Amino acid sequence: MEELDQIRTNRLIIRPFTNDDLDSMCRWTIDVDVMRFIGGVLTHDETSERLSRVIAVYERMKPLGPRAISLSAVPHEAIGYCGLGILPHSPEKHIEIFAGLTRSAWGSGFASEACISVMRMGFEKLSLEQVVAAVNPHNDRSLRLVNRLGFVQQGTMPWPEQKEVGVFVLSRDEFLKRF
């Protein structure tokens, strides 16, 4: 495993997805509330196809791309995902942070912890100047998360499945002041 592939915190391991994550991933892709703002629920076969794409995207883009979030105590069970990627649907090709958790992990601070760790890697190891987040205006959990992390809304942009999303920005300097 390459140096930037795995990120560890006291509670989490943020690592590349593997085919062994299918059962874990199915637990959140069948949940209407988890999938509400990311395209809707998926069948087992659709989740398997998505997992294959996720693995391929990470291999092609690493250290950017989606990563599995696992608890340190249960490293082979994914409870969600987090990563940095090129903001889709945007001509500027900003680097965005994205994350999601299975419902049983909501309210635990895991999303904040994972995002901070991934952004730290982006700012310190990849020399990013800023990170953006695209958030559906009805996604209260994600809006609270970007607020806690210090993002500032810079506008909106069209998004195919959601009509429009808010675009939030966090600069390297602001991140380093806060974390």
Foldseek 3Di string as FASTA:
>chain_A
DDPLQWFDDPWKIWHADDLLALVLQLLALQDQVQCVPPPHHDDSVRSSVVSVVQNVVCVVDPVFGKTFIDTPVGHSYGFWIWGWAQDPPDPVRAIAIDITGRPVCPPVCSVLVVRLRRVCCCCPVVVDFKYKYWAQPVPVSVVVSCVVQPWDFDAWDQDVVRGITTITMDGSVNNVVVD
